[in-house]
Amino acid sequence: MKHKLLALTLIGCAFACFLGFSCTKEIGGDVPENPFLKIDYSDTIPVPPELLDPNTIEGLHQTLFKNRCAVPACHDGAFEPDFRTVQSSYSTLVFHPITKNNAAKSFSFRVVPYDSKKSVLYERITNCCFVNTNDRMPQDNIGKPLEDKYINAVKTWIDRGAPDMFGNVNLYPNRKASLWYYFCLTEDLSKSVSDTDNRIDSYGAFRLENNKKYKLFFAAQDDSTAIRDLSRCRIEISEDALDFSSAREITCEYFGPVGFEGWFALINTSILPKDKTLYFRIYINDNNQKRDTETPNKDSPSYFFRYFSFYVAS
């Protein structure tokens, strides 16, 4: 019986289709137009990228740095300046300290805004013999200068202030002067008394004799001020490692013979307390800071306080 019903159903559907009726459910109505059918997939001429102003950091990166400098094993991150991106180009050029200088030590930064003559970048692309013969940049152009359009673009960008990608001109970096190290010698400079073997322990106070004078030297560095031009150079001495409110102050003198440049304080042990640990701090200023550089200071590691100390034996 089931087979007969199935056969009758199939015959009915076939007859209905023959008469023009649909045997399936209609969905939606008219089929929408396919927009992709109108696309021409044949070969087309590519639209050239927009050429940026070559006198900007973006334009220099597009036309010069990316193509001629960021080549494998060169300035592609292997060596600074890093010319892989616009941002890395700018940050490793403008007011960035150099790692290679000429014999006269003429340069301090790779790019100095408004001054192409003081910018080592401009020097390296125009001078055939910066350090060695034929060391002009880029390496793919050794012995020959870049095309004038690139040299002029670099010069124009620098002399306009070497602005970043947003048009901002970088300000001169002026960091606080910093202390390198200190050492203490007898007054005649014949013997060091701050060596490890003259300390209570590796970082403890060093020993001074009573009724004698010593010279405590220190070396400093600064990014804009010559060492001899540092100001407010002094040491302060206190019996309390953390409280210098009533410390004894000793003004320092400049000392600059061949081989060393720094400052020293003359310490007279006859006027200092005996058999007590005396803590000292060194102060300097580069003439551009509101607050002096203080070493050690409240944020220094605890062992610094012991290392910056001495005692006068009775």
C-alpha atoms as a PDB file:
ATOM      1  CA  MET A   1       0.000   0.000   0.000  1.00  0.00           C
ATOM      2  CA  LYS A   2       2.865   2.393   0.886  1.00  0.00           C
ATOM      3  CA  HIS A   3       4.493   1.765  -2.471  1.00  0.00           C
ATOM      4  CA  LYS A   4       1.289   2.609  -4.316  1.00  0.00           C
ATOM      5  CA  LEU A   5       0.920   5.935  -2.407  1.00  0.00           C
ATOM      6  CA  LEU A   6       4.558   6.918  -3.206  1.00  0.00           C
ATOM      7  CA  ALA A   7       4.065   6.163  -6.880  1.00  0.00           C
ATOM      8  CA  LEU A   8       0.883   8.237  -7.028  1.00  0.00           C
ATOM      9  CA  THR A   9       2.673  11.172  -5.336  1.00  0.00           C
ATOM     10  CA  LEU A  10       5.518  11.152  -7.838  1.00  0.00           C
ATOM     11  CA  ILE A  11       3.131  10.985 -10.770  1.00  0.00           C
ATOM     12  CA  GLY A  12       1.161  13.939  -9.309  1.00  0.00           C
ATOM     13  CA  CYS A  13       4.284  16.086  -8.950  1.00  0.00           C
ATOM     14  CA  ALA A  14       5.415  15.325 -12.471  1.00  0.00           C
ATOM     15  CA  PHE A  15       1.989  16.250 -13.841  1.00  0.00           C
ATOM     16  CA  ALA A  16       1.960  19.515 -11.852  1.00  0.00           C
ATOM     17  CA  CYS A  17       5.409  20.484 -13.180  1.00  0.00           C
ATOM     18  CA  PHE A  18       4.220  19.737 -16.687  1.00  0.00           C
ATOM     19  CA  LEU A  19       1.367  22.202 -16.201  1.00  0.00           C
ATOM     20  CA  GLY A  20       3.805  24.932 -15.034  1.00  0.00           C
ATOM     21  CA  PHE A  21       3.463  24.657 -11.254  1.00  0.00           C
ATOM     22  CA  SER A  22       6.539  24.610  -8.995  1.00  0.00           C
ATOM     23  CA  CYS A  23       7.156  21.635  -6.764  1.00  0.00           C
ATOM     24  CA  THR A  24       9.591  23.619  -4.514  1.00  0.00           C
ATOM     25  CA  LYS A  25       9.042  26.449  -2.052  1.00  0.00           C
ATOM     26  CA  GLU A  26       9.833  29.895  -3.513  1.00  0.00           C
ATOM     27  CA  ILE A  27      12.276  31.992  -1.399  1.00  0.00           C
ATOM     28  CA  GLY A  28      12.628  35.768  -1.505  1.00  0.00           C
ATOM     29  CA  GLY A  29      11.453  36.729  -4.952  1.00  0.00           C
ATOM     30  CA  ASP A  30      13.752  38.424  -7.495  1.00  0.00           C
ATOM     31  CA  VAL A  31      17.449  37.550  -7.149  1.00  0.00           C
ATOM     32  CA  PRO A  32      19.557  40.737  -6.355  1.00  0.00           C
ATOM     33  CA  GLU A  33      22.219  41.858  -8.779  1.00  0.00           C
ATOM     34  CA  ASN A  34      25.727  40.509  -8.036  1.00  0.00           C
ATOM     35  CA  PRO A  35      28.031  43.602  -7.876  1.00  0.00           C
ATOM     36  CA  PHE A  36      31.156  41.509  -8.444  1.00  0.00           C
ATOM     37  CA  LEU A  37      30.021  40.572 -11.937  1.00  0.00           C
ATOM     38  CA  LYS A  38      30.888  44.079 -13.185  1.00  0.00           C
ATOM     39  CA  ILE A  39      34.526  44.014 -11.973  1.00  0.00           C
ATOM     40  CA  ASP A  40      37.118  43.977 -14.713  1.00  0.00           C
ATOM     41  CA  TYR A  41      39.699  41.409 -13.659  1.00  0.00           C
ATOM     42  CA  SER A  42      41.910  41.979 -16.666  1.00  0.00           C
ATOM     43  CA  ASP A  43      45.428  43.465 -16.234  1.00  0.00           C
ATOM     44  CA  THR A  44      45.375  47.126 -15.159  1.00  0.00           C
ATOM     45  CA  ILE A  45      48.078  49.773 -14.709  1.00  0.00           C
ATOM     46  CA  PRO A  46      48.812  50.170 -10.921  1.00  0.00           C
ATOM     47  CA  VAL A  47      48.278  53.599  -9.394  1.00  0.00           C
ATOM     48  CA  PRO A  48      51.675  54.959  -8.238  1.00  0.00           C
ATOM     49  CA  PRO A  49      51.970  55.726  -4.490  1.00  0.00           C
ATOM     50  CA  GLU A  50      51.770  59.344  -3.398  1.00  0.00           C
ATOM     51  CA  LEU A  51      55.224  60.936  -3.341  1.00  0.00           C
ATOM     52  CA  LEU A  52      55.824  62.606   0.029  1.00  0.00           C
ATOM     53  CA  ASP A  53      57.660  65.893   0.473  1.00  0.00           C
ATOM     54  CA  PRO A  54      61.348  64.829   0.269  1.00  0.00           C
ATOM     55  CA  ASN A  55      62.322  67.625   2.680  1.00  0.00           C
ATOM     56  CA  THR A  56      60.483  65.930   5.586  1.00  0.00           C
ATOM     57  CA  ILE A  57      61.439  62.940   7.693  1.00  0.00           C
ATOM     58  CA  GLU A  58      58.634  60.946   6.039  1.00  0.00           C
ATOM     59  CA  GLY A  59      59.811  61.914   2.574  1.00  0.00           C
ATOM     60  CA  LEU A  60      63.456  61.176   3.383  1.00  0.00           C
ATOM     61  CA  HIS A  61      62.462  57.756   4.672  1.00  0.00           C
ATOM     62  CA  GLN A  62      60.403  57.027   1.562  1.00  0.00           C
ATOM     63  CA  THR A  63      62.944  58.201  -0.992  1.00  0.00           C
ATOM     64  CA  LEU A  64      66.313  57.648   0.706  1.00  0.00           C
ATOM     65  CA  PHE A  65      66.543  55.911   4.091  1.00  0.00           C
ATOM     66  CA  LYS A  66      64.305  52.943   3.303  1.00  0.00           C
ATOM     67  CA  ASN A  67      65.756  52.237  -0.122  1.00  0.00           C
ATOM     68  CA  ARG A  68      69.432  53.145   0.214  1.00  0.00           C
ATOM     69  CA  CYS A  69      70.198  52.739   3.922  1.00  0.00           C
ATOM     70  CA  ALA A  70      67.914  50.087   5.466  1.00  0.00           C
ATOM     71  CA  VAL A  71      69.540  47.341   3.417  1.00  0.00           C
ATOM     72  CA  PRO A  72      70.381  43.903   4.865  1.00  0.00           C
ATOM     73  CA  ALA A  73      73.200  43.915   7.441  1.00  0.00           C
ATOM     74  CA  CYS A  74      73.358  47.729   7.427  1.00  0.00           C
ATOM     75  CA  HIS A  75      70.796  50.132   8.886  1.00  0.00           C
ATOM     76  CA  ASP A  76      67.988  47.560   8.944  1.00  0.00           C
ATOM     77  CA  GLY A  77      68.273  47.256  12.713  1.00  0.00           C
ATOM     78  CA  ALA A  78      71.747  45.733  12.637  1.00  0.00           C
ATOM     79  CA  PHE A  79      73.376  49.156  13.086  1.00  0.00           C
ATOM     80  CA  GLU A  80      72.157  52.533  14.216  1.00  0.00           C
ATOM     81  CA  PRO A  81      70.740  54.761  12.895  1.00  0.00           C
ATOM     82  CA  ASP A  82      67.802  52.391  12.453  1.00  0.00           C
ATOM     83  CA  PHE A  83      66.110  53.300   9.168  1.00  0.00           C
ATOM     84  CA  ARG A  84      63.438  50.582   9.134  1.00  0.00           C
ATOM     85  CA  THR A  85      60.591  52.974   9.924  1.00  0.00           C
ATOM     86  CA  VAL A  86      59.969  56.708  10.021  1.00  0.00           C
ATOM     87  CA  GLN A  87      59.778  56.605  13.816  1.00  0.00           C
ATOM     88  CA  SER A  88      63.000  54.625  14.282  1.00  0.00           C
ATOM     89  CA  SER A  89      64.776  56.900  11.794  1.00  0.00           C
ATOM     90  CA  TYR A  90      63.815  60.008  13.737  1.00  0.00           C
ATOM     91  CA  SER A  91      64.517  58.642  17.225  1.00  0.00           C
ATOM     92  CA  THR A  92      68.007  57.393  16.275  1.00  0.00           C
ATOM     93  CA  LEU A  93      68.968  60.606  14.487  1.00  0.00           C
ATOM     94  CA  VAL A  94      67.792  63.794  16.206  1.00  0.00           C
ATOM     95  CA  PHE A  95      69.922  64.647  19.255  1.00  0.00           C
ATOM     96  CA  HIS A  96      71.093  61.053  19.322  1.00  0.00           C
ATOM     97  CA  PRO A  97      74.713  60.749  20.583  1.00  0.00           C
ATOM     98  CA  ILE A  98      77.154  59.448  18.014  1.00  0.00           C
ATOM     99  CA  THR A  99      79.262  56.300  18.431  1.00  0.00           C
ATOM    100  CA  LYS A 100      81.909  57.207  15.846  1.00  0.00           C
ATOM    101  CA  ASN A 101      83.605  60.598  15.637  1.00  0.00           C
ATOM    102  CA  ASN A 102      86.335  62.178  13.566  1.00  0.00           C
ATOM    103  CA  ALA A 103      89.852  62.807  14.879  1.00  0.00           C
ATOM    104  CA  ALA A 104      88.988  66.361  15.930  1.00  0.00           C
ATOM    105  CA  LYS A 105      85.930  65.189  17.931  1.00  0.00           C
ATOM    106  CA  SER A 106      83.862  67.750  16.029  1.00  0.00           C
ATOM    107  CA  PHE A 107      80.428  66.193  16.512  1.00  0.00           C
ATOM    108  CA  SER A 108      78.170  65.275  19.404  1.00  0.00           C
ATOM    109  CA  PHE A 109      74.901  64.253  17.742  1.00  0.00           C
ATOM    110  CA  ARG A 110      73.776  62.614  14.505  1.00  0.00           C
ATOM    111  CA  VAL A 111      71.355  65.447  13.797  1.00  0.00           C
ATOM    112  CA  VAL A 112      71.280  68.877  15.442  1.00  0.00           C
ATOM    113  CA  PRO A 113      68.097  70.781  14.521  1.00  0.00           C
ATOM    114  CA  TYR A 114      68.724  73.976  12.520  1.00  0.00           C
ATOM    115  CA  ASP A 115      72.425  73.140  12.074  1.00  0.00           C
ATOM    116  CA  SER A 116      73.439  70.743   9.291  1.00  0.00           C
ATOM    117  CA  LYS A 117      77.127  71.634   9.783  1.00  0.00           C
ATOM    118  CA  LYS A 118      77.037  70.176  13.310  1.00  0.00           C
ATOM    119  CA  SER A 119      75.034  67.116  12.217  1.00  0.00           C
ATOM    120  CA  VAL A 120      77.125  64.024  11.591  1.00  0.00           C
ATOM    121  CA  LEU A 121      74.433  62.659   9.240  1.00  0.00           C
ATOM    122  CA  TYR A 122      75.094  65.475   6.788  1.00  0.00           C
ATOM    123  CA  GLU A 123      78.835  65.105   7.257  1.00  0.00           C
ATOM    124  CA  ARG A 124      78.728  61.374   6.500  1.00  0.00           C
ATOM    125  CA  ILE A 125      76.916  61.836   3.172  1.00  0.00           C
ATOM    126  CA  THR A 126      79.112  64.728   2.004  1.00  0.00           C
ATOM    127  CA  ASN A 127      82.608  63.969   3.322  1.00  0.00           C
ATOM    128  CA  CYS A 128      84.537  61.289   1.444  1.00  0.00           C
ATOM    129  CA  CYS A 129      86.891  60.651   4.371  1.00  0.00           C
ATOM    130  CA  PHE A 130      85.165  61.100   7.721  1.00  0.00           C
ATOM    131  CA  VAL A 131      87.420  58.635   9.551  1.00  0.00           C
ATOM    132  CA  ASN A 132      88.795  56.423   6.803  1.00  0.00           C
ATOM    133  CA  THR A 133      89.352  56.953   3.098  1.00  0.00           C
ATOM    134  CA  ASN A 134      86.178  56.470   1.048  1.00  0.00           C
ATOM    135  CA  ASP A 135      83.902  55.991   4.057  1.00  0.00           C
ATOM    136  CA  ARG A 136      81.202  58.253   2.675  1.00  0.00           C
ATOM    137  CA  MET A 137      77.660  56.950   3.184  1.00  0.00           C
ATOM    138  CA  PRO A 138      75.730  55.079   1.939  1.00  0.00           C
ATOM    139  CA  GLN A 139      77.827  51.937   1.546  1.00  0.00           C
ATOM    140  CA  ASP A 140      76.357  51.206  -1.881  1.00  0.00           C
ATOM    141  CA  ASN A 141      77.833  54.512  -3.027  1.00  0.00           C
ATOM    142  CA  ILE A 142      81.332  54.301  -1.529  1.00  0.00           C
ATOM    143  CA  GLY A 143      83.660  56.841  -3.043  1.00  0.00           C
ATOM    144  CA  LYS A 144      80.862  58.697  -4.775  1.00  0.00           C
ATOM    145  CA  PRO A 145      78.464  61.277  -3.337  1.00  0.00           C
ATOM    146  CA  LEU A 146      74.716  60.828  -3.276  1.00  0.00           C
ATOM    147  CA  GLU A 147      72.693  62.570  -5.913  1.00  0.00           C
ATOM    148  CA  ASP A 148      72.309  66.278  -5.165  1.00  0.00           C
ATOM    149  CA  LYS A 149      68.552  65.956  -4.669  1.00  0.00           C
ATOM    150  CA  TYR A 150      69.072  63.661  -1.661  1.00  0.00           C
ATOM    151  CA  ILE A 151      71.898  65.711  -0.140  1.00  0.00           C
ATOM    152  CA  ASN A 152      69.873  68.917  -0.516  1.00  0.00           C
ATOM    153  CA  ALA A 153      66.786  67.282   0.987  1.00  0.00           C
ATOM    154  CA  VAL A 154      68.731  66.130   4.077  1.00  0.00           C
ATOM    155  CA  LYS A 155      70.249  69.594   4.508  1.00  0.00           C
ATOM    156  CA  THR A 156      66.886  71.333   4.070  1.00  0.00           C
ATOM    157  CA  TRP A 157      65.188  69.068   6.615  1.00  0.00           C
ATOM    158  CA  ILE A 158      67.921  69.640   9.221  1.00  0.00           C
ATOM    159  CA  ASP A 159      68.193  73.401   8.671  1.00  0.00           C
ATOM    160  CA  ARG A 160      64.419  73.727   9.021  1.00  0.00           C
ATOM    161  CA  GLY A 161      64.700  72.242  12.521  1.00  0.00           C
ATOM    162  CA  ALA A 162      64.579  68.507  11.672  1.00  0.00           C
ATOM    163  CA  PRO A 163      60.883  68.312  12.618  1.00  0.00           C
ATOM    164  CA  ASP A 164      59.262  64.959  13.374  1.00  0.00           C
ATOM    165  CA  MET A 165      56.366  63.460  11.417  1.00  0.00           C
ATOM    166  CA  PHE A 166      53.945  65.816  13.201  1.00  0.00           C
ATOM    167  CA  GLY A 167      55.999  68.936  12.549  1.00  0.00           C
ATOM    168  CA  ASN A 168      57.394  69.203  16.084  1.00  0.00           C
ATOM    169  CA  VAL A 169      60.988  70.358  16.594  1.00  0.00           C
ATOM    170  CA  ASN A 170      62.859  68.424  19.273  1.00  0.00           C
ATOM    171  CA  LEU A 171      64.285  70.393  22.193  1.00  0.00           C
ATOM    172  CA  TYR A 172      67.910  70.126  23.246  1.00  0.00           C
ATOM    173  CA  PRO A 173      68.285  67.302  25.777  1.00  0.00           C
ATOM    174  CA  ASN A 174      69.648  68.704  28.998  1.00  0.00           C
ATOM    175  CA  ARG A 175      70.144  66.047  31.602  1.00  0.00           C
ATOM    176  CA  LYS A 176      71.472  66.571  35.090  1.00  0.00           C
ATOM    177  CA  ALA A 177      75.200  66.201  35.583  1.00  0.00           C
ATOM    178  CA  SER A 178      76.102  62.801  36.972  1.00  0.00           C
ATOM    179  CA  LEU A 179      78.876  61.425  39.166  1.00  0.00           C
ATOM    180  CA  TRP A 180      81.153  58.751  37.693  1.00  0.00           C
ATOM    181  CA  TYR A 181      83.292  57.786  40.666  1.00  0.00           C
ATOM    182  CA  TYR A 182      85.328  59.146  43.566  1.00  0.00           C
ATOM    183  CA  PHE A 183      88.632  58.314  45.261  1.00  0.00           C
ATOM    184  CA  CYS A 184      90.566  59.752  48.186  1.00  0.00           C
ATOM    185  CA  LEU A 185      94.339  60.380  48.272  1.00  0.00           C
ATOM    186  CA  THR A 186      96.819  61.729  50.752  1.00  0.00           C
ATOM    187  CA  GLU A 187      97.454  65.468  50.375  1.00  0.00           C
ATOM    188  CA  ASP A 188     100.651  64.885  48.381  1.00  0.00           C
ATOM    189  CA  LEU A 189      98.743  62.493  46.069  1.00  0.00           C
ATOM    190  CA  SER A 190     101.182  59.677  46.855  1.00  0.00           C
ATOM    191  CA  LYS A 191      98.755  57.122  48.269  1.00  0.00           C
ATOM    192  CA  SER A 192      95.119  56.094  47.875  1.00  0.00           C
ATOM    193  CA  VAL A 193      93.219  55.700  51.144  1.00  0.00           C
ATOM    194  CA  SER A 194      89.804  54.751  49.762  1.00  0.00           C
ATOM    195  CA  ASP A 195      90.909  51.336  48.463  1.00  0.00           C
ATOM    196  CA  THR A 196      89.146  48.200  49.657  1.00  0.00           C
ATOM    197  CA  ASP A 197      92.046  47.159  51.901  1.00  0.00           C
ATOM    198  CA  ASN A 198      91.658  50.382  53.919  1.00  0.00           C
ATOM    199  CA  ARG A 199      87.937  49.926  54.599  1.00  0.00           C
ATOM    200  CA  ILE A 200      86.036  48.269  57.400  1.00  0.00           C
ATOM    201  CA  ASP A 201      84.677  45.859  54.770  1.00  0.00           C
ATOM    202  CA  SER A 202      84.130  45.895  50.998  1.00  0.00           C
ATOM    203  CA  TYR A 203      81.604  48.744  51.184  1.00  0.00           C
ATOM    204  CA  GLY A 204      82.303  50.097  54.669  1.00  0.00           C
ATOM    205  CA  ALA A 205      83.938  53.355  55.752  1.00  0.00           C
ATOM    206  CA  PHE A 206      87.586  53.913  54.864  1.00  0.00           C
ATOM    207  CA  ARG A 207      90.136  54.957  57.504  1.00  0.00           C
ATOM    208  CA  LEU A 208      91.791  58.388  57.777  1.00  0.00           C
ATOM    209  CA  GLU A 209      94.517  59.421  60.207  1.00  0.00           C
ATOM    210  CA  ASN A 210      93.992  62.250  62.692  1.00  0.00           C
ATOM    211  CA  ASN A 211      95.620  65.656  62.149  1.00  0.00           C
ATOM    212  CA  LYS A 212      96.235  65.074  58.470  1.00  0.00           C
ATOM    213  CA  LYS A 213      94.836  66.424  55.211  1.00  0.00           C
ATOM    214  CA  TYR A 214      93.432  64.420  52.337  1.00  0.00           C
ATOM    215  CA  LYS A 215      92.059  65.189  48.901  1.00  0.00           C
ATOM    216  CA  LEU A 216      88.788  63.559  47.961  1.00  0.00           C
ATOM    217  CA  PHE A 217      88.475  63.595  44.157  1.00  0.00           C
ATOM    218  CA  PHE A 218      85.457  62.877  42.020  1.00  0.00           C
ATOM    219  CA  ALA A 219      84.853  62.606  38.272  1.00  0.00           C
ATOM    220  CA  ALA A 220      81.603  63.759  36.689  1.00  0.00           C
ATOM    221  CA  GLN A 221      79.994  63.997  33.266  1.00  0.00           C
ATOM    222  CA  ASP A 222      77.363  66.179  31.618  1.00  0.00           C
ATOM    223  CA  ASP A 223      75.733  66.351  28.189  1.00  0.00           C
ATOM    224  CA  SER A 224      76.054  70.116  27.716  1.00  0.00           C
ATOM    225  CA  THR A 225      78.458  71.652  30.255  1.00  0.00           C
ATOM    226  CA  ALA A 226      82.234  71.255  30.352  1.00  0.00           C
ATOM    227  CA  ILE A 227      83.507  69.619  33.545  1.00  0.00           C
ATOM    228  CA  ARG A 228      85.494  72.713  34.531  1.00  0.00           C
ATOM    229  CA  ASP A 229      82.303  74.801  34.204  1.00  0.00           C
ATOM    230  CA  LEU A 230      80.203  72.780  36.634  1.00  0.00           C
ATOM    231  CA  SER A 231      78.973  74.820  39.597  1.00  0.00           C
ATOM    232  CA  ARG A 232      78.113  74.374  43.287  1.00  0.00           C
ATOM    233  CA  CYS A 233      80.671  71.556  43.478  1.00  0.00           C
ATOM    234  CA  ARG A 234      81.027  70.523  47.107  1.00  0.00           C
ATOM    235  CA  ILE A 235      80.842  67.667  49.565  1.00  0.00           C
ATOM    236  CA  GLU A 236      78.784  67.611  52.737  1.00  0.00           C
ATOM    237  CA  ILE A 237      79.667  65.502  55.769  1.00  0.00           C
ATOM    238  CA  SER A 238      77.188  64.214  58.366  1.00  0.00           C
ATOM    239  CA  GLU A 239      77.169  61.732  61.221  1.00  0.00           C
ATOM    240  CA  ASP A 240      73.708  60.593  60.082  1.00  0.00           C
ATOM    241  CA  ALA A 241      73.521  58.724  56.759  1.00  0.00           C
ATOM    242  CA  LEU A 242      69.992  59.984  56.082  1.00  0.00           C
ATOM    243  CA  ASP A 243      69.978  63.446  57.677  1.00  0.00           C
ATOM    244  CA  PHE A 244      72.198  66.144  56.129  1.00  0.00           C
ATOM    245  CA  SER A 245      70.240  69.131  57.423  1.00  0.00           C
ATOM    246  CA  SER A 246      73.149  70.236  59.624  1.00  0.00           C
ATOM    247  CA  ALA A 247      75.991  68.756  57.583  1.00  0.00           C
ATOM    248  CA  ARG A 248      79.484  70.260  57.364  1.00  0.00           C
ATOM    249  CA  GLU A 249      80.134  71.684  53.867  1.00  0.00           C
ATOM    250  CA  ILE A 250      83.469  71.706  52.015  1.00  0.00           C
ATOM    251  CA  THR A 251      83.754  73.592  48.723  1.00  0.00           C
ATOM    252  CA  CYS A 252      85.536  71.713  45.928  1.00  0.00           C
ATOM    253  CA  GLU A 253      88.225  72.910  43.525  1.00  0.00           C
ATOM    254  CA  TYR A 254      88.666  72.056  39.842  1.00  0.00           C
ATOM    255  CA  PHE A 255      91.529  69.710  38.953  1.00  0.00           C
ATOM    256  CA  GLY A 256      92.450  69.080  35.317  1.00  0.00           C
ATOM    257  CA  PRO A 257      95.915  67.742  34.515  1.00  0.00           C
ATOM    258  CA  VAL A 258      96.555  65.432  31.564  1.00  0.00           C
ATOM    259  CA  GLY A 259      94.708  62.152  31.987  1.00  0.00           C
ATOM    260  CA  PHE A 260      92.127  63.263  34.548  1.00  0.00           C
ATOM    261  CA  GLU A 261      89.552  66.005  34.854  1.00  0.00           C
ATOM    262  CA  GLY A 262      87.448  66.437  37.954  1.00  0.00           C
ATOM    263  CA  TRP A 263      87.012  68.182  41.300  1.00  0.00           C
ATOM    264  CA  PHE A 264      88.385  67.644  44.793  1.00  0.00           C
ATOM    265  CA  ALA A 265      87.624  68.608  48.377  1.00  0.00           C
ATOM    266  CA  LEU A 266      90.409  69.136  50.913  1.00  0.00           C
ATOM    267  CA  ILE A 267      89.562  67.223  54.086  1.00  0.00           C
ATOM    268  CA  ASN A 268      91.262  68.315  57.336  1.00  0.00           C
ATOM    269  CA  THR A 269      90.779  65.521  59.861  1.00  0.00           C
ATOM    270  CA  SER A 270      91.906  67.648  62.816  1.00  0.00           C
ATOM    271  CA  ILE A 271      88.496  69.373  62.915  1.00  0.00           C
ATOM    272  CA  LEU A 272      86.357  66.267  62.442  1.00  0.00           C
ATOM    273  CA  PRO A 273      84.879  63.903  65.072  1.00  0.00           C
ATOM    274  CA  LYS A 274      87.032  60.885  65.891  1.00  0.00           C
ATOM    275  CA  ASP A 275      86.179  57.172  65.738  1.00  0.00           C
ATOM    276  CA  LYS A 276      82.749  57.835  64.230  1.00  0.00           C
ATOM    277  CA  THR A 277      81.450  56.888  60.816  1.00  0.00           C
ATOM    278  CA  LEU A 278      81.100  60.100  58.829  1.00  0.00           C
ATOM    279  CA  TYR A 279      78.882  59.977  55.758  1.00  0.00           C
ATOM    280  CA  PHE A 280      79.456  62.313  52.835  1.00  0.00           C
ATOM    281  CA  ARG A 281      77.528  63.323  49.743  1.00  0.00           C
ATOM    282  CA  ILE A 282      78.819  64.944  46.570  1.00  0.00           C
ATOM    283  CA  TYR A 283      76.938  67.809  44.914  1.00  0.00           C
ATOM    284  CA  ILE A 284      77.308  69.284  41.406  1.00  0.00           C
ATOM    285  CA  ASN A 285      75.220  71.363  39.007  1.00  0.00           C
ATOM    286  CA  ASP A 286      75.501  71.942  35.247  1.00  0.00           C
ATOM    287  CA  ASN A 287      74.116  75.505  35.582  1.00  0.00           C
ATOM    288  CA  ASN A 288      70.848  74.482  33.935  1.00  0.00           C
ATOM    289  CA  GLN A 289      69.110  72.657  36.772  1.00  0.00           C
ATOM    290  CA  LYS A 290      67.055  74.008  39.649  1.00  0.00           C
ATOM    291  CA  ARG A 291      68.291  71.243  41.949  1.00  0.00           C
ATOM    292  CA  ASP A 292      71.854  70.019  42.362  1.00  0.00           C
ATOM    293  CA  THR A 293      72.831  66.466  41.543  1.00  0.00           C
ATOM    294  CA  GLU A 294      73.209  64.705  44.892  1.00  0.00           C
ATOM    295  CA  THR A 295      75.162  61.426  45.247  1.00  0.00           C
ATOM    296  CA  PRO A 296      74.134  59.392  47.104  1.00  0.00           C
ATOM    297  CA  ASN A 297      70.572  60.563  47.704  1.00  0.00           C
ATOM    298  CA  LYS A 298      67.489  59.281  49.468  1.00  0.00           C
ATOM    299  CA  ASP A 299      66.703  56.939  46.561  1.00  0.00           C
ATOM    300  CA  SER A 300      70.167  55.352  46.406  1.00  0.00           C
ATOM    301  CA  PRO A 301      70.735  51.710  47.419  1.00  0.00           C
ATOM    302  CA  SER A 302      71.495  51.341  51.132  1.00  0.00           C
ATOM    303  CA  TYR A 303      75.062  50.121  50.546  1.00  0.00           C
ATOM    304  CA  PHE A 304      75.849  53.453  48.847  1.00  0.00           C
ATOM    305  CA  PHE A 305      75.597  55.214  52.186  1.00  0.00           C
ATOM    306  CA  ARG A 306      78.257  52.939  53.690  1.00  0.00           C
ATOM    307  CA  TYR A 307      80.489  53.193  50.632  1.00  0.00           C
ATOM    308  CA  PHE A 308      80.337  57.021  50.765  1.00  0.00           C
ATOM    309  CA  SER A 309      81.729  57.184  54.307  1.00  0.00           C
ATOM    310  CA  PHE A 310      84.971  57.327  56.287  1.00  0.00           C
ATOM    311  CA  TYR A 311      86.134  57.563  59.893  1.00  0.00           C
ATOM    312  CA  VAL A 312      88.996  59.400  61.573  1.00  0.00           C
ATOM    313  CA  ALA A 313      91.083  57.205  63.858  1.00  0.00           C
ATOM    314  CA  SER A 314      91.953  58.808  67.207  1.00  0.00           C
END
